[in-house]
Amino acid sequence: MRILQVVTYISKDSAFGGPAQVAQNILTELNFNEHCEILALSDNKAIFDHKSFPPNKFHLFRSFSLFAKIGFAGIVNIRVFLKFYRIRRNFDIFHIHLARDLITLPLALMCALLKLPYVLQCHGMIDPSNRLSARILDKFATRFIMRKSFTILSLSEEEDKNLIEVEADIVIQRFINAAKVGPKNDRENRIVFVGRLSQDKRPEILVKAGQILLQKGHDLIFDFIGPDAGSFEECTRYIAKSQIGVSFVFHGPLTNPETIAFLSRSRILVLPSPRDRFPLAVVESLSVGTPVVISSGNGIAPLISEYNAGIVSPISGEAIADAIACILKDYFAYEIKASELFKDIFDLESNTKKLMSIYAHIMNLEKS
């Protein structure tokens, strides 16, 4: 089989987050047995200068911001569509990581109109919206694209409901974000946050928890990995008041291998966000046996509780501090459970086999 994945944007600092990394993980695993390539926008082709991602597997084009206020949804390059049309006959199946943007939505529409076999993976990015622009887009494009797809890969029951609310006449199959087993390193007394420093991710909650733990005598470093999206100033303001800023380190965005290596050296990943559909950072933390502290609004929370691979905590500095202290008291047990959960549910190899079976079924339908 020859598969072309389409994703909006890929960069060295993982700026587009989970969808871009999921696409790269799938590509790596598929190319052991099949042929897979990626079409995307990117501002740095040098990101694929290592053996895991040979450049000939990628079709990358410089991004131009047509509507800067809407971020990734507003970037485009006409050459992407020309390239897609030229190479479309080289592939059997098209795997589109769909968002309401100017890249994946038009390319999915091209697949539908050209009657090319495609699957959609939305990563929680397609859900009911009250915005007039989204409703118009859904009426004239999104819903048609969803109906014409062979299947839509969904992360959870919650995403199922959201997808059906946008368009009821669709086929849905479960396919979760997965990762490869990560490296094992000696643990350091570090607690890490991975994600955008933004209001919806609540990094300042970890700052408050860190202050509580440090005041109680815990010898810990608190690391923050990810780009500033508005909350860096608030975090540093809290830190400045406490006069213990040396224990808080802001690294900015790192490459995915650097982030996973950091997770493998850390004791605990903390994501205090009230709502997170299915964060890849949690999966990657489990891949290196690092327990997590997350909220009940995290899509992976039920599994974390079931396996005791971390703690599902209320969102407050005091509660997060208590959860961190609880894990540290019985750390070895939590570490084992984190690795067990990853092996049972999130291992990339077994999840990719399921994806290949979906592709094979589509090809059989195409031939019949």
Protein backbone atom coordinates (compact mmCIF):
# COMPACT_ATOMS: atom_id res chain seq x y z
CA MET A 1 0.00 0.00 0.00
CA ARG A 2 1.03 3.57 -0.69
CA ILE A 3 -0.37 6.13 1.74
CA LEU A 4 -0.21 9.91 1.65
CA GLN A 5 -0.86 11.70 4.92
CA VAL A 6 -1.95 15.33 4.84
CA VAL A 7 -1.39 17.54 7.87
CA THR A 8 -1.58 21.32 8.15
CA TYR A 9 1.86 22.20 9.49
CA ILE A 10 5.06 20.51 10.65
CA SER A 11 7.93 22.26 12.39
CA LYS A 12 10.99 21.46 14.44
CA ASP A 13 9.45 22.90 17.61
CA SER A 14 6.20 20.86 17.27
CA ALA A 15 4.24 24.12 17.11
CA PHE A 16 1.16 22.42 15.62
CA GLY A 17 1.17 19.93 18.46
CA GLY A 18 -0.36 16.46 18.46
CA PRO A 19 -1.66 16.12 14.87
CA ALA A 20 1.76 16.78 13.34
CA GLN A 21 3.54 14.40 15.69
CA VAL A 22 0.90 11.70 15.27
CA ALA A 23 1.35 11.92 11.50
CA GLN A 24 5.12 11.52 11.88
CA ASN A 25 4.71 8.59 14.28
CA ILE A 26 2.40 6.84 11.83
CA LEU A 27 4.81 7.49 8.96
CA THR A 28 7.74 5.99 10.87
CA GLU A 29 5.85 2.83 11.75
CA LEU A 30 4.11 2.35 8.39
CA ASN A 31 7.35 2.56 6.45
CA PHE A 32 8.57 -0.67 8.01
CA ASN A 33 6.06 -2.56 5.85
CA GLU A 34 4.30 -0.10 3.56
CA HIS A 35 5.07 3.17 1.79
CA CYS A 36 3.95 6.40 3.45
CA GLU A 37 4.64 10.07 2.72
CA ILE A 38 3.46 13.37 4.24
CA LEU A 39 2.26 16.55 2.55
CA ALA A 40 2.29 19.67 4.74
CA LEU A 41 3.30 23.25 5.22
CA SER A 42 6.53 23.92 7.08
CA ASP A 43 9.02 26.73 7.58
CA ASN A 44 12.01 24.51 8.21
CA LYS A 45 12.89 21.59 5.94
CA ALA A 46 16.01 20.99 8.05
CA ILE A 47 13.80 19.34 10.68
CA PHE A 48 14.21 16.08 8.81
CA ASP A 49 17.99 15.91 8.90
CA HIS A 50 18.05 12.68 10.90
CA LYS A 51 17.60 9.08 9.78
CA SER A 52 14.14 8.60 11.29
CA PHE A 53 12.59 11.04 8.82
CA PRO A 54 14.24 10.83 5.39
CA PRO A 55 13.45 13.98 3.35
CA ASN A 56 12.12 11.97 0.39
CA LYS A 57 9.12 10.98 2.56
CA PHE A 58 7.98 14.60 2.89
CA HIS A 59 6.51 17.20 0.57
CA LEU A 60 6.92 20.43 2.53
CA PHE A 61 6.03 23.93 1.41
CA ARG A 62 6.63 27.28 2.98
CA SER A 63 3.60 28.63 4.83
CA PHE A 64 2.06 32.02 4.07
CA SER A 65 -0.35 33.58 6.54
CA LEU A 66 -3.47 34.69 4.73
CA PHE A 67 -5.46 35.38 7.90
CA ALA A 68 -2.99 35.93 10.75
CA LYS A 69 -5.66 36.33 13.43
CA ILE A 70 -6.82 32.71 13.10
CA GLY A 71 -3.35 31.18 13.42
CA PHE A 72 -2.77 27.82 11.73
CA ALA A 73 -6.26 27.89 10.22
CA GLY A 74 -5.20 30.85 8.10
CA ILE A 75 -1.94 29.60 6.56
CA VAL A 76 -1.76 28.44 2.97
CA ASN A 77 0.41 27.89 -0.10
CA ILE A 78 -1.14 27.23 -3.52
CA ARG A 79 1.77 24.96 -4.42
CA VAL A 80 0.45 22.34 -1.98
CA PHE A 81 -2.65 21.84 -4.11
CA LEU A 82 -0.68 21.69 -7.35
CA LYS A 83 1.68 19.11 -5.84
CA PHE A 84 -1.23 17.03 -4.55
CA TYR A 85 -2.87 16.96 -7.96
CA ARG A 86 0.39 15.90 -9.65
CA ILE A 87 1.20 13.05 -7.25
CA ARG A 88 -2.30 11.81 -6.43
CA ARG A 89 -2.03 8.76 -8.72
CA ASN A 90 1.06 7.57 -6.81
CA PHE A 91 -1.02 6.65 -3.75
CA ASP A 92 -3.70 4.14 -2.85
CA ILE A 93 -5.14 5.87 0.22
CA PHE A 94 -5.15 9.42 1.58
CA HIS A 95 -5.05 9.93 5.34
CA ILE A 96 -6.09 13.51 6.15
CA HIS A 97 -5.61 15.05 9.59
CA LEU A 98 -8.62 17.31 9.17
CA ALA A 99 -9.12 20.77 10.64
CA ARG A 100 -11.15 23.77 9.56
CA ASP A 101 -8.19 25.32 7.79
CA LEU A 102 -6.98 26.33 4.33
CA ILE A 103 -4.89 23.19 3.76
CA THR A 104 -6.55 19.99 4.96
CA LEU A 105 -10.13 21.03 4.23
CA PRO A 106 -9.55 21.94 0.54
CA LEU A 107 -7.38 18.85 0.02
CA ALA A 108 -10.06 16.63 1.52
CA LEU A 109 -12.57 18.32 -0.79
CA MET A 110 -10.30 17.53 -3.75
CA CYS A 111 -10.25 13.87 -2.66
CA ALA A 112 -14.04 13.80 -2.47
CA LEU A 113 -14.54 15.46 -5.85
CA LEU A 114 -11.87 13.34 -7.55
CA LYS A 115 -13.34 10.20 -5.91
CA LEU A 116 -10.06 9.29 -4.22
CA PRO A 117 -10.24 6.92 -1.22
CA TYR A 118 -9.56 8.82 1.98
CA VAL A 119 -9.88 8.60 5.76
CA LEU A 120 -10.16 11.49 8.16
CA GLN A 121 -8.55 11.91 11.55
CA CYS A 122 -9.78 15.06 13.28
CA HIS A 123 -7.95 15.00 16.67
CA GLY A 124 -10.92 16.76 18.27
CA MET A 125 -10.59 19.72 15.89
CA ILE A 126 -13.99 19.20 14.24
CA ASP A 127 -16.79 19.80 16.73
CA PRO A 128 -19.98 21.87 16.88
CA SER A 129 -19.25 25.59 16.71
CA ASN A 130 -21.34 28.70 17.24
CA ARG A 131 -19.08 30.79 15.02
CA LEU A 132 -20.89 31.88 11.87
CA SER A 133 -17.82 31.24 9.69
CA ALA A 134 -17.54 27.65 10.97
CA ARG A 135 -21.24 26.97 10.44
CA ILE A 136 -21.08 28.26 6.85
CA LEU A 137 -17.94 26.21 6.21
CA ASP A 138 -19.57 23.10 7.63
CA LYS A 139 -22.70 23.55 5.52
CA PHE A 140 -20.86 23.90 2.23
CA ALA A 141 -17.73 21.77 2.76
CA THR A 142 -17.04 20.01 6.07
CA ARG A 143 -20.18 17.90 6.24
CA PHE A 144 -19.83 16.82 2.58
CA ILE A 145 -16.21 15.83 3.19
CA MET A 146 -17.16 13.83 6.27
CA ARG A 147 -19.94 11.97 4.44
CA LYS A 148 -17.71 11.04 1.51
CA SER A 149 -14.85 9.68 3.64
CA PHE A 150 -14.55 5.91 4.02
CA THR A 151 -14.20 6.34 7.76
CA ILE A 152 -13.36 8.91 10.43
CA LEU A 153 -10.82 7.92 13.07
CA SER A 154 -12.02 9.09 16.47
CA LEU A 155 -10.19 9.30 19.79
CA SER A 156 -13.07 8.79 22.19
CA GLU A 157 -16.82 8.57 22.73
CA GLU A 158 -16.85 12.30 23.39
CA GLU A 159 -15.34 12.95 19.97
CA ASP A 160 -17.83 10.50 18.42
CA LYS A 161 -20.69 12.63 19.75
CA ASN A 162 -19.15 15.85 18.52
CA LEU A 163 -18.54 14.46 15.04
CA ILE A 164 -22.09 13.11 14.78
CA GLU A 165 -23.46 16.47 15.89
CA VAL A 166 -21.64 18.10 12.96
CA GLU A 167 -22.66 15.35 10.48
CA ALA A 168 -24.74 12.30 11.41
CA ASP A 169 -24.25 10.30 8.19
CA ILE A 170 -20.68 9.12 8.83
CA VAL A 171 -18.69 5.97 9.64
CA ILE A 172 -16.57 6.18 12.79
CA GLN A 173 -13.80 3.88 14.03
CA ARG A 174 -11.72 4.15 17.18
CA PHE A 175 -8.07 5.00 16.70
CA ILE A 176 -6.09 6.58 19.52
CA ASN A 177 -2.90 8.60 19.58
CA ALA A 178 0.07 6.31 20.13
CA ALA A 179 3.85 6.53 20.43
CA LYS A 180 6.95 4.39 20.38
CA VAL A 181 8.52 3.19 23.62
CA GLY A 182 10.79 6.02 24.75
CA PRO A 183 14.32 6.00 26.18
CA LYS A 184 15.05 5.15 29.79
CA ASN A 185 17.21 7.64 31.69
CA ASP A 186 18.17 8.18 35.31
CA ARG A 187 15.47 10.15 37.08
CA GLU A 188 16.17 13.65 38.32
CA ASN A 189 14.07 15.55 40.86
CA ARG A 190 12.16 17.37 38.14
CA ILE A 191 8.45 17.97 37.61
CA VAL A 192 7.63 18.89 34.02
CA PHE A 193 4.84 20.68 32.15
CA VAL A 194 4.60 20.17 28.37
CA GLY A 195 2.33 22.34 26.25
CA ARG A 196 1.54 25.89 25.26
CA LEU A 197 1.85 28.42 28.06
CA SER A 198 -1.73 29.53 27.59
CA GLN A 199 -4.83 30.27 29.61
CA ASP A 200 -6.50 27.00 28.60
CA LYS A 201 -3.48 24.92 29.71
CA ARG A 202 -3.18 26.63 33.13
CA PRO A 203 0.63 26.41 33.66
CA GLU A 204 0.37 28.89 36.54
CA ILE A 205 -1.34 26.17 38.58
CA LEU A 206 1.89 24.15 38.52
CA VAL A 207 3.79 27.28 39.56
CA LYS A 208 1.52 27.62 42.60
CA ALA A 209 1.86 23.90 43.40
CA GLY A 210 5.63 24.19 43.07
CA GLN A 211 5.76 27.05 45.53
CA ILE A 212 3.81 25.01 48.07
CA LEU A 213 6.10 21.98 47.68
CA LEU A 214 9.28 24.06 47.86
CA GLN A 215 8.07 25.81 51.00
CA LYS A 216 7.48 22.36 52.54
CA GLY A 217 11.10 21.43 51.88
CA HIS A 218 10.85 19.35 48.70
CA ASP A 219 14.01 19.47 46.60
CA LEU A 220 12.49 19.82 43.13
CA ILE A 221 12.97 21.66 39.85
CA PHE A 222 9.88 22.62 37.84
CA ASP A 223 10.38 22.66 34.07
CA PHE A 224 8.06 24.20 31.49
CA ILE A 225 8.40 23.06 27.86
CA GLY A 226 6.40 24.82 25.17
CA PRO A 227 5.87 28.16 23.45
CA ASP A 228 4.45 31.18 25.23
CA ALA A 229 0.81 31.71 24.25
CA GLY A 230 0.00 34.42 26.76
CA SER A 231 0.64 32.89 30.21
CA PHE A 232 4.41 33.24 30.57
CA GLU A 233 4.11 36.70 32.12
CA GLU A 234 1.53 35.48 34.64
CA CYS A 235 3.75 32.54 35.61
CA THR A 236 6.83 34.72 36.12
CA ARG A 237 4.77 37.20 38.14
CA TYR A 238 3.81 34.46 40.60
CA ILE A 239 7.41 33.28 40.75
CA ALA A 240 8.76 36.79 41.39
CA LYS A 241 6.52 37.16 44.43
CA SER A 242 7.91 33.99 46.02
CA GLN A 243 11.63 34.75 45.54
CA ILE A 244 12.29 31.08 44.65
CA GLY A 245 12.51 31.56 40.90
CA VAL A 246 15.68 29.48 40.58
CA SER A 247 13.55 26.35 40.92
CA PHE A 248 11.40 27.20 37.86
CA VAL A 249 12.88 26.83 34.39
CA PHE A 250 11.17 27.85 31.13
CA HIS A 251 12.76 26.10 28.16
CA GLY A 252 10.48 27.31 25.37
CA PRO A 253 9.56 24.85 22.61
CA LEU A 254 11.83 21.83 22.14
CA THR A 255 11.95 19.19 19.42
CA ASN A 256 9.92 16.07 20.01
CA PRO A 257 13.00 13.87 20.74
CA GLU A 258 14.28 16.50 23.17
CA THR A 259 10.90 16.63 24.92
CA ILE A 260 10.68 12.84 25.27
CA ALA A 261 14.25 12.72 26.61
CA PHE A 262 13.29 15.38 29.14
CA LEU A 263 10.21 13.40 30.17
CA SER A 264 12.35 10.30 30.69
CA ARG A 265 14.57 12.20 33.15
CA SER A 266 11.66 13.75 35.04
CA ARG A 267 9.67 12.31 37.93
CA ILE A 268 6.19 13.46 36.95
CA LEU A 269 4.36 15.19 34.08
CA VAL A 270 1.75 17.70 35.24
CA LEU A 271 -0.98 19.01 32.91
CA PRO A 272 -3.48 21.10 34.92
CA SER A 273 -5.65 22.04 31.92
CA PRO A 274 -9.40 21.83 32.68
CA ARG A 275 -10.08 20.21 29.30
CA ASP A 276 -7.71 18.29 27.06
CA ARG A 277 -9.13 15.91 24.49
CA PHE A 278 -6.29 13.40 24.19
CA PRO A 279 -2.91 15.09 24.75
CA LEU A 280 0.01 13.31 23.12
CA ALA A 281 2.27 14.63 25.90
CA VAL A 282 0.55 12.24 28.34
CA VAL A 283 1.04 9.29 25.97
CA GLU A 284 4.71 10.21 25.50
CA SER A 285 5.16 10.54 29.26
CA LEU A 286 3.73 7.05 29.76
CA SER A 287 6.03 5.77 27.00
CA VAL A 288 9.03 6.47 29.26
CA GLY A 289 7.28 5.30 32.43
CA THR A 290 6.73 8.78 33.83
CA PRO A 291 3.54 9.06 35.93
CA VAL A 292 1.19 11.98 35.34
CA VAL A 293 -0.99 14.40 37.27
CA ILE A 294 -3.96 15.56 35.16
CA SER A 295 -7.50 16.86 35.62
CA SER A 296 -10.75 14.97 35.18
CA GLY A 297 -11.30 16.95 31.96
CA ASN A 298 -8.41 15.13 30.31
CA GLY A 299 -9.56 12.45 27.88
CA ILE A 300 -7.03 9.96 29.25
CA ALA A 301 -8.10 10.49 32.89
CA PRO A 302 -10.24 7.29 33.16
CA LEU A 303 -7.30 5.13 32.07
CA ILE A 304 -4.89 6.90 34.43
CA SER A 305 -7.25 6.15 37.33
CA GLU A 306 -7.92 2.57 36.20
CA TYR A 307 -4.21 1.70 35.96
CA ASN A 308 -3.11 3.92 38.86
CA ALA A 309 -0.53 5.39 36.47
CA GLY A 310 -0.77 8.80 38.12
CA ILE A 311 -3.39 10.93 39.84
CA VAL A 312 -6.47 12.67 38.50
CA SER A 313 -6.56 15.84 40.57
CA PRO A 314 -8.76 18.89 41.11
CA ILE A 315 -7.32 22.01 39.52
CA SER A 316 -5.74 24.05 42.29
CA GLY A 317 -2.23 24.65 43.53
CA GLU A 318 -2.92 22.81 46.79
CA ALA A 319 -4.51 19.77 45.12
CA ILE A 320 -1.77 19.46 42.48
CA ALA A 321 0.91 19.79 45.19
CA ASP A 322 -0.75 17.01 47.21
CA ALA A 323 -0.94 14.78 44.11
CA ILE A 324 2.76 15.30 43.33
CA ALA A 325 3.74 14.55 46.92
CA CYS A 326 1.56 11.41 46.92
CA ILE A 327 3.24 10.02 43.79
CA LEU A 328 6.72 10.80 45.08
CA LYS A 329 6.03 8.81 48.27
CA ASP A 330 5.32 5.61 46.29
CA TYR A 331 7.12 6.49 43.09
CA PHE A 332 8.31 3.06 41.97
CA ALA A 333 4.75 1.65 41.99
CA TYR A 334 3.41 4.53 39.90
CA GLU A 335 6.31 4.22 37.47
CA ILE A 336 5.57 0.54 36.87
CA LYS A 337 1.86 1.25 36.31
CA ALA A 338 2.64 4.05 33.85
CA SER A 339 4.72 1.66 31.72
CA GLU A 340 2.03 -1.02 32.00
CA LEU A 341 -0.69 1.33 30.76
CA PHE A 342 1.44 2.39 27.81
CA LYS A 343 2.21 -1.20 26.80
CA ASP A 344 -1.44 -2.25 27.02
CA ILE A 345 -3.07 0.71 25.27
CA PHE A 346 -0.73 3.20 23.60
CA ASP A 347 2.03 1.18 21.93
CA LEU A 348 2.51 2.51 18.40
CA GLU A 349 3.23 -0.84 16.75
CA SER A 350 -0.03 -2.50 17.79
CA ASN A 351 -2.10 0.61 17.00
CA THR A 352 -0.53 0.93 13.57
CA LYS A 353 -1.47 -2.68 12.80
CA LYS A 354 -5.09 -1.69 13.40
CA LEU A 355 -4.66 1.26 11.04
CA MET A 356 -3.22 -1.03 8.36
CA SER A 357 -6.24 -3.30 8.68
CA ILE A 358 -8.49 -0.28 8.12
CA TYR A 359 -6.51 0.66 5.02
CA ALA A 360 -6.67 -2.94 3.72
CA HIS A 361 -10.45 -2.99 4.17
CA ILE A 362 -10.77 0.24 2.19
CA MET A 363 -8.65 -1.16 -0.63
CA ASN A 364 -10.81 -4.29 -0.76
CA LEU A 365 -13.93 -2.12 -0.98
CA GLU A 366 -12.33 -0.13 -3.78
CA LYS A 367 -11.60 -3.29 -5.78
CA SER A 368 -15.09 -4.77 -5.32
